[in-house]
């Protein structure tokens, strides 16, 4: 079998991705659901590590402004919903977090001020 540059690049890319997978998984997921987030909900907390006040975001509401800066976020399931957390109100600015089903982020890179939940 001939080793072509594209095959070597593909192998290197897959190897690099697999090397990063355990670290990314460990930092983005927590066992069980954090406190204050009902089953099948998308939630944000006012403190890191799921502390402080919790709020929920609904896919039926479209873009929702958070009642406080969101510092941690989670998605306890409910279909294939994904929550996008934005740096500014009214779902403007940078997306600071993308939280898919059964994922929990104990800290966000920047506070989130709004969220949009999509299917």
PDB file of N, CA and C in Angstrom:
ATOM      1  N   UNK A   1       0.847  -1.167   0.000  1.00  0.00           N
ATOM      2  CA  UNK A   1       0.000   0.000   0.000  1.00  0.00           C
ATOM      3  C   UNK A   1       0.894   1.232   0.000  1.00  0.00           C
ATOM      4  N   UNK A   2       0.541   2.179  -0.859  1.00  0.00           N
ATOM      5  CA  UNK A   2       1.289   3.427  -0.958  1.00  0.00           C
ATOM      6  C   UNK A   2       0.793   4.413   0.077  1.00  0.00           C
ATOM      7  N   UNK A   3       1.722   5.119   0.692  1.00  0.00           N
ATOM      8  CA  UNK A   3       1.350   6.163   1.659  1.00  0.00           C
ATOM      9  C   UNK A   3       1.396   7.483   0.922  1.00  0.00           C
ATOM     10  N   UNK A   4       0.246   8.065   0.738  1.00  0.00           N
ATOM     11  CA  UNK A   4       0.166   9.357   0.067  1.00  0.00           C
ATOM     12  C   UNK A   4       0.133  10.460   1.109  1.00  0.00           C
ATOM     13  N   UNK A   5       0.491  11.693   0.726  1.00  0.00           N
ATOM     14  CA  UNK A   5       0.442  12.799   1.688  1.00  0.00           C
ATOM     15  C   UNK A   5      -0.942  12.981   2.316  1.00  0.00           C
ATOM     16  N   UNK A   6      -1.999  12.793   1.537  1.00  0.00           N
ATOM     17  CA  UNK A   6      -3.336  12.985   2.097  1.00  0.00           C
ATOM     18  C   UNK A   6      -3.670  11.901   3.124  1.00  0.00           C
ATOM     19  N   UNK A   7      -3.229  10.679   2.889  1.00  0.00           N
ATOM     20  CA  UNK A   7      -3.477   9.590   3.843  1.00  0.00           C
ATOM     21  C   UNK A   7      -2.674   9.824   5.123  1.00  0.00           C
ATOM     22  N   UNK A   8      -1.462  10.307   4.998  1.00  0.00           N
ATOM     23  CA  UNK A   8      -0.629  10.601   6.169  1.00  0.00           C
ATOM     24  C   UNK A   8      -1.251  11.737   6.973  1.00  0.00           C
ATOM     25  N   UNK A   9      -1.724  12.775   6.276  1.00  0.00           N
ATOM     26  CA  UNK A   9      -2.360  13.904   6.960  1.00  0.00           C
ATOM     27  C   UNK A   9      -3.627  13.459   7.678  1.00  0.00           C
ATOM     28  N   UNK A  10      -4.421  12.614   7.040  1.00  0.00           N
ATOM     29  CA  UNK A  10      -5.645  12.114   7.656  1.00  0.00           C
ATOM     30  C   UNK A  10      -5.323  11.301   8.907  1.00  0.00           C
ATOM     31  N   UNK A  11      -4.338  10.416   8.818  1.00  0.00           N
ATOM     32  CA  UNK A  11      -3.935   9.611   9.973  1.00  0.00           C
ATOM     33  C   UNK A  11      -3.456  10.505  11.112  1.00  0.00           C
ATOM     34  N   UNK A  12      -2.664  11.511  10.794  1.00  0.00           N
ATOM     35  CA  UNK A  12      -2.168  12.429  11.820  1.00  0.00           C
ATOM     36  C   UNK A  12      -3.313  13.197  12.462  1.00  0.00           C
ATOM     37  N   UNK A  13      -4.291  13.626  11.673  1.00  0.00           N
ATOM     38  CA  UNK A  13      -5.440  14.361  12.209  1.00  0.00           C
ATOM     39  C   UNK A  13      -6.263  13.493  13.147  1.00  0.00           C
ATOM     40  N   UNK A  14      -6.515  12.266  12.758  1.00  0.00           N
ATOM     41  CA  UNK A  14      -7.302  11.357  13.599  1.00  0.00           C
ATOM     42  C   UNK A  14      -6.548  11.059  14.890  1.00  0.00           C
ATOM     43  N   UNK A  15      -5.248  10.820  14.800  1.00  0.00           N
ATOM     44  CA  UNK A  15      -4.445  10.545  15.988  1.00  0.00           C
ATOM     45  C   UNK A  15      -4.470  11.725  16.945  1.00  0.00           C
ATOM     46  N   UNK A  16      -4.335  12.938  16.410  1.00  0.00           N
ATOM     47  CA  UNK A  16      -4.361  14.139  17.256  1.00  0.00           C
ATOM     48  C   UNK A  16      -5.727  14.307  17.912  1.00  0.00           C
ATOM     49  N   UNK A  17      -6.799  14.073  17.170  1.00  0.00           N
ATOM     50  CA  UNK A  17      -8.150  14.212  17.728  1.00  0.00           C
ATOM     51  C   UNK A  17      -8.391  13.190  18.833  1.00  0.00           C
ATOM     52  N   UNK A  18      -7.945  11.972  18.637  1.00  0.00           N
ATOM     53  CA  UNK A  18      -8.131  10.944  19.657  1.00  0.00           C
ATOM     54  C   UNK A  18      -7.320  11.243  20.905  1.00  0.00           C
ATOM     55  N   UNK A  19      -6.158  11.854  20.747  1.00  0.00           N
ATOM     56  CA  UNK A  19      -5.343  12.213  21.898  1.00  0.00           C
ATOM     57  C   UNK A  19      -6.011  13.288  22.737  1.00  0.00           C
ATOM     58  N   UNK A  20      -6.754  14.185  22.109  1.00  0.00           N
ATOM     59  CA  UNK A  20      -7.424  15.267  22.823  1.00  0.00           C
ATOM     60  C   UNK A  20      -8.772  14.865  23.397  1.00  0.00           C
ATOM     61  N   UNK A  21      -9.370  13.812  22.890  1.00  0.00           N
ATOM     62  CA  UNK A  21     -10.719  13.418  23.287  1.00  0.00           C
ATOM     63  C   UNK A  21     -10.888  13.205  24.787  1.00  0.00           C
ATOM     64  N   UNK A  22     -10.054  12.450  25.476  1.00  0.00           N
ATOM     65  CA  UNK A  22     -10.288  12.269  26.914  1.00  0.00           C
ATOM     66  C   UNK A  22     -10.237  13.576  27.695  1.00  0.00           C
ATOM     67  N   UNK A  23      -9.342  14.478  27.371  1.00  0.00           N
ATOM     68  CA  UNK A  23      -9.244  15.754  28.084  1.00  0.00           C
ATOM     69  C   UNK A  23     -10.478  16.608  27.836  1.00  0.00           C
ATOM     70  N   UNK A  24     -10.938  16.679  26.614  1.00  0.00           N
ATOM     71  CA  UNK A  24     -12.121  17.478  26.300  1.00  0.00           C
ATOM     72  C   UNK A  24     -13.351  16.893  26.978  1.00  0.00           C
ATOM     73  N   UNK A  25     -13.475  15.582  26.976  1.00  0.00           N
ATOM     74  CA  UNK A  25     -14.634  14.937  27.598  1.00  0.00           C
ATOM     75  C   UNK A  25     -14.643  15.174  29.111  1.00  0.00           C
ATOM     76  N   UNK A  26     -13.499  15.073  29.725  1.00  0.00           N
ATOM     77  CA  UNK A  26     -13.435  15.227  31.174  1.00  0.00           C
ATOM     78  C   UNK A  26     -13.768  16.637  31.610  1.00  0.00           C
ATOM     79  N   UNK A  27     -13.385  17.636  30.832  1.00  0.00           N
ATOM     80  CA  UNK A  27     -13.631  19.004  31.248  1.00  0.00           C
ATOM     81  C   UNK A  27     -15.041  19.474  30.914  1.00  0.00           C
ATOM     82  N   UNK A  28     -15.742  18.812  30.010  1.00  0.00           N
ATOM     83  CA  UNK A  28     -17.040  19.298  29.572  1.00  0.00           C
ATOM     84  C   UNK A  28     -18.214  18.540  30.173  1.00  0.00           C
ATOM     85  N   UNK A  29     -17.999  17.397  30.734  1.00  0.00           N
ATOM     86  CA  UNK A  29     -19.116  16.601  31.240  1.00  0.00           C
ATOM     87  C   UNK A  29     -18.938  16.286  32.714  1.00  0.00           C
ATOM     88  N   UNK A  30     -20.055  16.201  33.391  1.00  0.00           N
ATOM     89  CA  UNK A  30     -20.067  15.817  34.797  1.00  0.00           C
ATOM     90  C   UNK A  30     -21.015  14.650  34.967  1.00  0.00           C
ATOM     91  N   UNK A  31     -20.706  13.733  35.868  1.00  0.00           N
ATOM     92  CA  UNK A  31     -21.637  12.632  36.095  1.00  0.00           C
ATOM     93  C   UNK A  31     -22.905  13.138  36.764  1.00  0.00           C
ATOM     94  N   UNK A  32     -24.043  12.643  36.319  1.00  0.00           N
ATOM     95  CA  UNK A  32     -25.316  13.061  36.905  1.00  0.00           C
ATOM     96  C   UNK A  32     -25.695  14.479  36.513  1.00  0.00           C
ATOM     97  N   UNK A  33     -26.844  14.901  36.952  1.00  0.00           N
ATOM     98  CA  UNK A  33     -27.324  16.246  36.662  1.00  0.00           C
ATOM     99  C   UNK A  33     -27.001  17.184  37.815  1.00  0.00           C
ATOM    100  N   UNK A  34     -26.527  18.378  37.511  1.00  0.00           N
ATOM    101  CA  UNK A  34     -26.258  19.354  38.568  1.00  0.00           C
ATOM    102  C   UNK A  34     -27.552  19.777  39.266  1.00  0.00           C
ATOM    103  N   UNK A  35     -27.445  20.305  40.477  1.00  0.00           N
ATOM    104  CA  UNK A  35     -28.637  20.709  41.225  1.00  0.00           C
ATOM    105  C   UNK A  35     -29.357  21.877  40.562  1.00  0.00           C
ATOM    106  N   UNK A  36     -30.680  21.843  40.625  1.00  0.00           N
ATOM    107  CA  UNK A  36     -31.478  22.953  40.129  1.00  0.00           C
ATOM    108  C   UNK A  36     -31.840  22.898  38.660  1.00  0.00           C
ATOM    109  N   UNK A  37     -31.451  21.840  37.959  1.00  0.00           N
ATOM    110  CA  UNK A  37     -31.789  21.724  36.534  1.00  0.00           C
ATOM    111  C   UNK A  37     -32.713  20.520  36.348  1.00  0.00           C
ATOM    112  N   UNK A  38     -33.998  20.779  36.090  1.00  0.00           N
ATOM    113  CA  UNK A  38     -34.949  19.676  35.924  1.00  0.00           C
ATOM    114  C   UNK A  38     -34.572  18.766  34.754  1.00  0.00           C
ATOM    115  N   UNK A  39     -35.042  17.549  34.813  1.00  0.00           N
ATOM    116  CA  UNK A  39     -34.819  16.599  33.729  1.00  0.00           C
ATOM    117  C   UNK A  39     -35.373  17.160  32.426  1.00  0.00           C
ATOM    118  N   UNK A  40     -34.683  16.909  31.327  1.00  0.00           N
ATOM    119  CA  UNK A  40     -35.051  17.364  29.977  1.00  0.00           C
ATOM    120  C   UNK A  40     -35.100  18.895  29.897  1.00  0.00           C
ATOM    121  N   UNK A  41     -34.100  19.562  30.486  1.00  0.00           N
ATOM    122  CA  UNK A  41     -34.056  21.026  30.488  1.00  0.00           C
ATOM    123  C   UNK A  41     -32.678  21.533  30.095  1.00  0.00           C
ATOM    124  N   UNK A  42     -32.637  22.788  29.706  1.00  0.00           N
ATOM    125  CA  UNK A  42     -31.403  23.488  29.403  1.00  0.00           C
ATOM    126  C   UNK A  42     -31.278  24.598  30.440  1.00  0.00           C
ATOM    127  N   UNK A  43     -30.165  24.605  31.184  1.00  0.00           N
ATOM    128  CA  UNK A  43     -30.051  25.480  32.352  1.00  0.00           C
ATOM    129  C   UNK A  43     -28.759  26.286  32.357  1.00  0.00           C
ATOM    130  N   UNK A  44     -28.818  27.381  33.118  1.00  0.00           N
ATOM    131  CA  UNK A  44     -27.640  28.190  33.373  1.00  0.00           C
ATOM    132  C   UNK A  44     -27.597  28.542  34.851  1.00  0.00           C
ATOM    133  N   UNK A  45     -26.393  28.710  35.400  1.00  0.00           N
ATOM    134  CA  UNK A  45     -26.207  29.037  36.807  1.00  0.00           C
ATOM    135  C   UNK A  45     -25.440  30.352  36.938  1.00  0.00           C
ATOM    136  N   UNK A  46     -25.715  31.070  38.009  1.00  0.00           N
ATOM    137  CA  UNK A  46     -25.064  32.357  38.251  1.00  0.00           C
ATOM    138  C   UNK A  46     -23.636  32.185  38.750  1.00  0.00           C
ATOM    139  N   UNK A  47     -23.267  30.989  39.196  1.00  0.00           N
ATOM    140  CA  UNK A  47     -21.913  30.729  39.673  1.00  0.00           C
ATOM    141  C   UNK A  47     -21.259  29.606  38.899  1.00  0.00           C
ATOM    142  N   UNK A  48     -19.941  29.549  38.964  1.00  0.00           N
ATOM    143  CA  UNK A  48     -19.213  28.433  38.363  1.00  0.00           C
ATOM    144  C   UNK A  48     -19.515  27.160  39.145  1.00  0.00           C
ATOM    145  N   UNK A  49     -19.269  26.026  38.528  1.00  0.00           N
ATOM    146  CA  UNK A  49     -19.488  24.713  39.153  1.00  0.00           C
ATOM    147  C   UNK A  49     -20.937  24.505  39.587  1.00  0.00           C
ATOM    148  N   UNK A  50     -21.874  25.072  38.824  1.00  0.00           N
ATOM    149  CA  UNK A  50     -23.307  24.864  39.047  1.00  0.00           C
ATOM    150  C   UNK A  50     -23.757  25.362  40.415  1.00  0.00           C
ATOM    151  N   UNK A  51     -23.191  26.480  40.846  1.00  0.00           N
ATOM    152  CA  UNK A  51     -23.561  27.073  42.124  1.00  0.00           C
ATOM    153  C   UNK A  51     -24.371  28.338  41.885  1.00  0.00           C
ATOM    154  N   UNK A  52     -24.927  28.872  42.938  1.00  0.00           N
ATOM    155  CA  UNK A  52     -25.726  30.083  42.837  1.00  0.00           C
ATOM    156  C   UNK A  52     -27.131  29.774  42.372  1.00  0.00           C
ATOM    157  N   UNK A  53     -27.732  30.729  41.718  1.00  0.00           N
ATOM    158  CA  UNK A  53     -29.103  30.607  41.232  1.00  0.00           C
ATOM    159  C   UNK A  53     -29.117  29.926  39.874  1.00  0.00           C
ATOM    160  N   UNK A  54     -30.101  29.039  39.662  1.00  0.00           N
ATOM    161  CA  UNK A  54     -30.266  28.352  38.375  1.00  0.00           C
ATOM    162  C   UNK A  54     -31.469  28.927  37.641  1.00  0.00           C
ATOM    163  N   UNK A  55     -31.390  28.950  36.322  1.00  0.00           N
ATOM    164  CA  UNK A  55     -32.506  29.348  35.473  1.00  0.00           C
ATOM    165  C   UNK A  55     -32.593  28.366  34.314  1.00  0.00           C
ATOM    166  N   UNK A  56     -33.785  28.223  33.729  1.00  0.00           N
ATOM    167  CA  UNK A  56     -33.953  27.335  32.581  1.00  0.00           C
ATOM    168  C   UNK A  56     -34.235  28.155  31.335  1.00  0.00           C
ATOM    169  N   UNK A  57     -33.870  27.579  30.192  1.00  0.00           N
ATOM    170  CA  UNK A  57     -34.123  28.187  28.892  1.00  0.00           C
ATOM    171  C   UNK A  57     -34.959  27.206  28.080  1.00  0.00           C
ATOM    172  N   UNK A  58     -35.977  27.683  27.411  1.00  0.00           N
ATOM    173  CA  UNK A  58     -36.899  26.817  26.685  1.00  0.00           C
ATOM    174  C   UNK A  58     -36.734  26.962  25.177  1.00  0.00           C
ATOM    175  N   UNK A  59     -36.798  25.833  24.453  1.00  0.00           N
ATOM    176  CA  UNK A  59     -36.750  25.925  22.993  1.00  0.00           C
ATOM    177  C   UNK A  59     -37.996  26.605  22.426  1.00  0.00           C
ATOM    178  N   UNK A  60     -39.052  26.706  23.219  1.00  0.00           N
ATOM    179  CA  UNK A  60     -40.291  27.330  22.753  1.00  0.00           C
ATOM    180  C   UNK A  60     -40.237  28.857  22.805  1.00  0.00           C
ATOM    181  N   UNK A  61     -39.261  29.403  23.529  1.00  0.00           N
ATOM    182  CA  UNK A  61     -39.194  30.852  23.717  1.00  0.00           C
ATOM    183  C   UNK A  61     -38.264  31.556  22.745  1.00  0.00           C
ATOM    184  N   UNK A  62     -37.512  30.823  21.958  1.00  0.00           N
ATOM    185  CA  UNK A  62     -36.539  31.459  21.072  1.00  0.00           C
ATOM    186  C   UNK A  62     -35.385  31.999  21.895  1.00  0.00           C
ATOM    187  N   UNK A  63     -34.902  33.176  21.541  1.00  0.00           N
ATOM    188  CA  UNK A  63     -33.813  33.782  22.291  1.00  0.00           C
ATOM    189  C   UNK A  63     -34.343  34.283  23.630  1.00  0.00           C
ATOM    190  N   UNK A  64     -33.630  33.949  24.713  1.00  0.00           N
ATOM    191  CA  UNK A  64     -34.036  34.367  26.048  1.00  0.00           C
ATOM    192  C   UNK A  64     -32.867  35.063  26.734  1.00  0.00           C
ATOM    193  N   UNK A  65     -33.129  36.250  27.263  1.00  0.00           N
ATOM    194  CA  UNK A  65     -32.109  36.938  28.047  1.00  0.00           C
ATOM    195  C   UNK A  65     -32.063  36.320  29.433  1.00  0.00           C
ATOM    196  N   UNK A  66     -30.873  36.070  29.916  1.00  0.00           N
ATOM    197  CA  UNK A  66     -30.699  35.481  31.241  1.00  0.00           C
ATOM    198  C   UNK A  66     -30.972  36.532  32.313  1.00  0.00           C
ATOM    199  N   UNK A  67     -31.518  36.124  33.460  1.00  0.00           N
ATOM    200  CA  UNK A  67     -31.776  37.082  34.538  1.00  0.00           C
ATOM    201  C   UNK A  67     -30.500  37.502  35.275  1.00  0.00           C
ATOM    202  N   UNK A  68     -29.381  36.851  34.951  1.00  0.00           N
ATOM    203  CA  UNK A  68     -28.079  37.141  35.555  1.00  0.00           C
ATOM    204  C   UNK A  68     -27.019  36.611  34.594  1.00  0.00           C
ATOM    205  N   UNK A  69     -25.773  37.042  34.741  1.00  0.00           N
ATOM    206  CA  UNK A  69     -24.713  36.461  33.912  1.00  0.00           C
ATOM    207  C   UNK A  69     -24.564  34.960  34.207  1.00  0.00           C
ATOM    208  N   UNK A  70     -24.594  34.157  33.176  1.00  0.00           N
ATOM    209  CA  UNK A  70     -24.487  32.707  33.300  1.00  0.00           C
ATOM    210  C   UNK A  70     -23.003  32.334  33.304  1.00  0.00           C
ATOM    211  N   UNK A  71     -22.578  31.633  34.364  1.00  0.00           N
ATOM    212  CA  UNK A  71     -21.173  31.246  34.498  1.00  0.00           C
ATOM    213  C   UNK A  71     -20.943  29.745  34.337  1.00  0.00           C
ATOM    214  N   UNK A  72     -22.019  28.935  34.417  1.00  0.00           N
ATOM    215  CA  UNK A  72     -21.942  27.506  34.124  1.00  0.00           C
ATOM    216  C   UNK A  72     -23.261  27.108  33.474  1.00  0.00           C
ATOM    217  N   UNK A  73     -23.243  26.031  32.678  1.00  0.00           N
ATOM    218  CA  UNK A  73     -24.431  25.667  31.902  1.00  0.00           C
ATOM    219  C   UNK A  73     -24.540  24.154  31.770  1.00  0.00           C
ATOM    220  N   UNK A  74     -25.774  23.674  31.570  1.00  0.00           N
ATOM    221  CA  UNK A  74     -26.000  22.246  31.400  1.00  0.00           C
ATOM    222  C   UNK A  74     -27.240  21.961  30.584  1.00  0.00           C
ATOM    223  N   UNK A  75     -27.277  20.763  30.027  1.00  0.00           N
ATOM    224  CA  UNK A  75     -28.398  20.316  29.205  1.00  0.00           C
ATOM    225  C   UNK A  75     -28.711  18.895  29.638  1.00  0.00           C
ATOM    226  N   UNK A  76     -29.818  18.707  30.354  1.00  0.00           N
ATOM    227  CA  UNK A  76     -30.161  17.398  30.904  1.00  0.00           C
ATOM    228  C   UNK A  76     -30.925  16.515  29.928  1.00  0.00           C
ATOM    229  N   UNK A  77     -30.875  16.836  28.668  1.00  0.00           N
ATOM    230  CA  UNK A  77     -31.486  15.974  27.663  1.00  0.00           C
ATOM    231  C   UNK A  77     -32.766  16.560  27.117  1.00  0.00           C
ATOM    232  N   UNK A  78     -33.632  15.713  26.676  1.00  0.00           N
ATOM    233  CA  UNK A  78     -34.876  16.166  26.077  1.00  0.00           C
ATOM    234  C   UNK A  78     -34.716  16.339  24.581  1.00  0.00           C
ATOM    235  N   UNK A  79     -34.753  15.247  23.850  1.00  0.00           N
ATOM    236  CA  UNK A  79     -34.593  15.321  22.404  1.00  0.00           C
ATOM    237  C   UNK A  79     -33.157  15.632  22.032  1.00  0.00           C
ATOM    238  N   UNK A  80     -33.010  16.237  20.887  1.00  0.00           N
ATOM    239  CA  UNK A  80     -31.681  16.587  20.383  1.00  0.00           C
ATOM    240  C   UNK A  80     -31.428  18.081  20.514  1.00  0.00           C
ATOM    241  N   UNK A  81     -31.977  18.706  21.540  1.00  0.00           N
ATOM    242  CA  UNK A  81     -31.830  20.144  21.714  1.00  0.00           C
ATOM    243  C   UNK A  81     -30.392  20.521  22.039  1.00  0.00           C
ATOM    244  N   UNK A  82     -29.946  21.632  21.456  1.00  0.00           N
ATOM    245  CA  UNK A  82     -28.635  22.200  21.731  1.00  0.00           C
ATOM    246  C   UNK A  82     -28.860  23.631  22.189  1.00  0.00           C
ATOM    247  N   UNK A  83     -28.184  24.012  23.274  1.00  0.00           N
ATOM    248  CA  UNK A  83     -28.302  25.372  23.790  1.00  0.00           C
ATOM    249  C   UNK A  83     -27.042  26.151  23.415  1.00  0.00           C
ATOM    250  N   UNK A  84     -27.249  27.330  22.834  1.00  0.00           N
ATOM    251  CA  UNK A  84     -26.158  28.246  22.536  1.00  0.00           C
ATOM    252  C   UNK A  84     -26.240  29.398  23.527  1.00  0.00           C
ATOM    253  N   UNK A  85     -25.151  29.676  24.224  1.00  0.00           N
ATOM    254  CA  UNK A  85     -25.093  30.767  25.187  1.00  0.00           C
ATOM    255  C   UNK A  85     -24.278  31.890  24.559  1.00  0.00           C
ATOM    256  N   UNK A  86     -24.855  33.099  24.566  1.00  0.00           N
ATOM    257  CA  UNK A  86     -24.234  34.249  23.912  1.00  0.00           C
ATOM    258  C   UNK A  86     -23.658  35.224  24.937  1.00  0.00           C
ATOM    259  N   UNK A  87     -22.622  35.936  24.526  1.00  0.00           N
ATOM    260  CA  UNK A  87     -21.942  36.896  25.398  1.00  0.00           C
ATOM    261  C   UNK A  87     -22.775  38.149  25.643  1.00  0.00           C
ATOM    262  N   UNK A  88     -23.709  38.443  24.746  1.00  0.00           N
ATOM    263  CA  UNK A  88     -24.504  39.662  24.876  1.00  0.00           C
ATOM    264  C   UNK A  88     -25.988  39.325  24.946  1.00  0.00           C
ATOM    265  N   UNK A  89     -26.774  40.283  25.384  1.00  0.00           N
ATOM    266  CA  UNK A  89     -28.227  40.119  25.448  1.00  0.00           C
ATOM    267  C   UNK A  89     -28.788  39.977  24.030  1.00  0.00           C
ATOM    268  N   UNK A  90     -29.993  39.432  23.944  1.00  0.00           N
ATOM    269  CA  UNK A  90     -30.712  39.259  22.679  1.00  0.00           C
ATOM    270  C   UNK A  90     -29.959  38.371  21.688  1.00  0.00           C
ATOM    271  N   UNK A  91     -29.193  37.421  22.204  1.00  0.00           N
ATOM    272  CA  UNK A  91     -28.444  36.448  21.389  1.00  0.00           C
ATOM    273  C   UNK A  91     -27.527  37.124  20.373  1.00  0.00           C
ATOM    274  N   UNK A  92     -26.876  38.145  20.829  1.00  0.00           N
ATOM    275  CA  UNK A  92     -25.917  38.878  20.011  1.00  0.00           C
ATOM    276  C   UNK A  92     -24.507  38.574  20.501  1.00  0.00           C
ATOM    277  N   UNK A  93     -23.536  38.902  19.699  1.00  0.00           N
ATOM    278  CA  UNK A  93     -22.143  38.728  20.089  1.00  0.00           C
ATOM    279  C   UNK A  93     -21.673  37.294  19.933  1.00  0.00           C
ATOM    280  N   UNK A  94     -20.585  37.006  20.585  1.00  0.00           N
ATOM    281  CA  UNK A  94     -19.925  35.713  20.490  1.00  0.00           C
ATOM    282  C   UNK A  94     -20.717  34.619  21.201  1.00  0.00           C
ATOM    283  N   UNK A  95     -20.686  33.417  20.640  1.00  0.00           N
ATOM    284  CA  UNK A  95     -21.235  32.246  21.318  1.00  0.00           C
ATOM    285  C   UNK A  95     -20.164  31.783  22.306  1.00  0.00           C
ATOM    286  N   UNK A  96     -20.474  31.867  23.596  1.00  0.00           N
ATOM    287  CA  UNK A  96     -19.491  31.477  24.610  1.00  0.00           C
ATOM    288  C   UNK A  96     -19.610  30.010  25.000  1.00  0.00           C
ATOM    289  N   UNK A  97     -20.731  29.370  24.629  1.00  0.00           N
ATOM    290  CA  UNK A  97     -20.886  27.943  24.923  1.00  0.00           C
ATOM    291  C   UNK A  97     -21.916  27.321  23.999  1.00  0.00           C
ATOM    292  N   UNK A  98     -21.654  26.087  23.624  1.00  0.00           N
ATOM    293  CA  UNK A  98     -22.603  25.254  22.896  1.00  0.00           C
ATOM    294  C   UNK A  98     -22.766  24.006  23.750  1.00  0.00           C
ATOM    295  N   UNK A  99     -23.982  23.785  24.250  1.00  0.00           N
ATOM    296  CA  UNK A  99     -24.216  22.706  25.208  1.00  0.00           C
ATOM    297  C   UNK A  99     -25.193  21.703  24.596  1.00  0.00           C
ATOM    298  N   UNK A 100     -24.676  20.563  24.182  1.00  0.00           N
ATOM    299  CA  UNK A 100     -25.526  19.532  23.602  1.00  0.00           C
ATOM    300  C   UNK A 100     -26.130  18.663  24.704  1.00  0.00           C
ATOM    301  N   UNK A 101     -26.972  17.731  24.302  1.00  0.00           N
ATOM    302  CA  UNK A 101     -27.713  16.881  25.231  1.00  0.00           C
ATOM    303  C   UNK A 101     -26.788  16.123  26.182  1.00  0.00           C
ATOM    304  N   UNK A 102     -27.163  16.109  27.465  1.00  0.00           N
ATOM    305  CA  UNK A 102     -26.437  15.400  28.518  1.00  0.00           C
ATOM    306  C   UNK A 102     -25.000  15.890  28.685  1.00  0.00           C
ATOM    307  N   UNK A 103     -24.788  17.192  28.458  1.00  0.00           N
ATOM    308  CA  UNK A 103     -23.477  17.806  28.637  1.00  0.00           C
ATOM    309  C   UNK A 103     -23.581  18.888  29.704  1.00  0.00           C
ATOM    310  N   UNK A 104     -22.509  19.063  30.450  1.00  0.00           N
ATOM    311  CA  UNK A 104     -22.490  20.033  31.541  1.00  0.00           C
ATOM    312  C   UNK A 104     -21.151  20.755  31.536  1.00  0.00           C
ATOM    313  N   UNK A 105     -21.190  22.072  31.508  1.00  0.00           N
ATOM    314  CA  UNK A 105     -19.985  22.895  31.496  1.00  0.00           C
ATOM    315  C   UNK A 105     -19.871  23.621  32.829  1.00  0.00           C
ATOM    316  N   UNK A 106     -18.949  23.204  33.694  1.00  0.00           N
ATOM    317  CA  UNK A 106     -18.841  23.809  35.021  1.00  0.00           C
ATOM    318  C   UNK A 106     -18.364  25.256  34.999  1.00  0.00           C
ATOM    319  N   UNK A 107     -17.751  25.679  33.906  1.00  0.00           N
ATOM    320  CA  UNK A 107     -17.374  27.094  33.773  1.00  0.00           C
ATOM    321  C   UNK A 107     -17.369  27.457  32.294  1.00  0.00           C
ATOM    322  N   UNK A 108     -17.773  28.679  32.010  1.00  0.00           N
ATOM    323  CA  UNK A 108     -17.779  29.186  30.639  1.00  0.00           C
ATOM    324  C   UNK A 108     -16.572  30.100  30.458  1.00  0.00           C
ATOM    325  N   UNK A 109     -16.072  30.247  29.236  1.00  0.00           N
ATOM    326  CA  UNK A 109     -14.911  31.106  29.011  1.00  0.00           C
ATOM    327  C   UNK A 109     -15.205  32.585  29.253  1.00  0.00           C
ATOM    328  N   UNK A 110     -16.473  32.951  29.212  1.00  0.00           N
ATOM    329  CA  UNK A 110     -16.925  34.321  29.480  1.00  0.00           C
ATOM    330  C   UNK A 110     -18.370  34.235  29.954  1.00  0.00           C
ATOM    331  N   UNK A 111     -18.847  35.209  30.717  1.00  0.00           N
ATOM    332  CA  UNK A 111     -20.248  35.182  31.159  1.00  0.00           C
ATOM    333  C   UNK A 111     -21.204  35.223  29.964  1.00  0.00           C
ATOM    334  N   UNK A 112     -22.294  34.475  30.069  1.00  0.00           N
ATOM    335  CA  UNK A 112     -23.329  34.490  29.046  1.00  0.00           C
ATOM    336  C   UNK A 112     -24.512  35.337  29.502  1.00  0.00           C
ATOM    337  N   UNK A 113     -25.042  36.154  28.590  1.00  0.00           N
ATOM    338  CA  UNK A 113     -26.167  37.016  28.951  1.00  0.00           C
ATOM    339  C   UNK A 113     -27.472  36.631  28.282  1.00  0.00           C
ATOM    340  N   UNK A 114     -27.427  35.665  27.343  1.00  0.00           N
ATOM    341  CA  UNK A 114     -28.639  35.190  26.685  1.00  0.00           C
ATOM    342  C   UNK A 114     -28.388  33.789  26.145  1.00  0.00           C
ATOM    343  N   UNK A 115     -29.486  33.101  25.814  1.00  0.00           N
ATOM    344  CA  UNK A 115     -29.358  31.733  25.286  1.00  0.00           C
ATOM    345  C   UNK A 115     -30.443  31.462  24.264  1.00  0.00           C
ATOM    346  N   UNK A 116     -30.136  30.589  23.336  1.00  0.00           N
ATOM    347  CA  UNK A 116     -31.069  30.159  22.298  1.00  0.00           C
ATOM    348  C   UNK A 116     -30.982  28.636  22.241  1.00  0.00           C
ATOM    349  N   UNK A 117     -32.124  27.955  22.368  1.00  0.00           N
ATOM    350  CA  UNK A 117     -32.169  26.502  22.325  1.00  0.00           C
ATOM    351  C   UNK A 117     -32.782  26.086  20.993  1.00  0.00           C
ATOM    352  N   UNK A 118     -32.070  25.238  20.250  1.00  0.00           N
ATOM    353  CA  UNK A 118     -32.537  24.792  18.939  1.00  0.00           C
ATOM    354  C   UNK A 118     -32.557  23.268  18.884  1.00  0.00           C
ATOM    355  N   UNK A 119     -33.333  22.743  17.957  1.00  0.00           N
ATOM    356  CA  UNK A 119     -33.446  21.308  17.734  1.00  0.00           C
ATOM    357  C   UNK A 119     -32.296  20.864  16.902  1.00  0.00           C
TER     358      UNK A 119
END
